[in-house]
Amino acid sequence: MIIYLHGFDATSPGNHEKVLQLQFIDDAVSFVHYSTVHPRHDMSHLLKEVHKQLAMSQDPKPLICGVGLGAYWSERIGFLCGIRQVMFNPNLHPDQTMVGRIERPEEYADIATKCVTEFRKKNAGNCICILSVNDEVVDNRQTEQELKDYYNIVWDERETHKFKNISAHLQAIKAFKLS
């Protein structure tokens, strides 16, 4: 089973395309929707929905993945639920980057203070991060610096922030899921 979390643009047709691409790895791909504008509510909702998906699955090696803001949540929810994660162009600091786009971006900073201390150190090896050289939203060199001590970083030369086509990375994701 693969759980897919969309980014800030929840209604983008690219989300459906990514779900279809992920079905080449696993027939059971679940798209979990969340509001994107109420971080505390989103975290509670995502934890509940992911727990529900895990309870219904027989897959011994489920995976959660997301793009942008969905990658932010994938890392945290995956860690808290004990499942592996794949992040595409993660928005690691939505408390800074979402100002003016959501009602309470400061809630992200509050969430960070409530997360497990040094969670990335404890999560090391349980996540891969795929970064676009051409990301027009996030500075992925900075993202690499923040994550490289904990996760395998894979660079993509073609895609932009929304990562419309993930097919070049499907075999690596499948190998990671099954390892």
Foldseek 3Di string as FASTA:
>chain_A
DEEEEEALCQPDPLSVLVQVLLVVLPVDYHYDYDDSADVVVRLVSVLVVVVVVVVPDPDPAYEYEYAACSNCSRVQSCLVVVHAYEYELYNVQQLPQCVVPHDHSCVVVVVVVVGDVPSLQVCAPRYEYEYEPAAPRDDVVVVCVVRVVRHHYHYDDDDYRNCSDPNVCNVVVSVSRVD
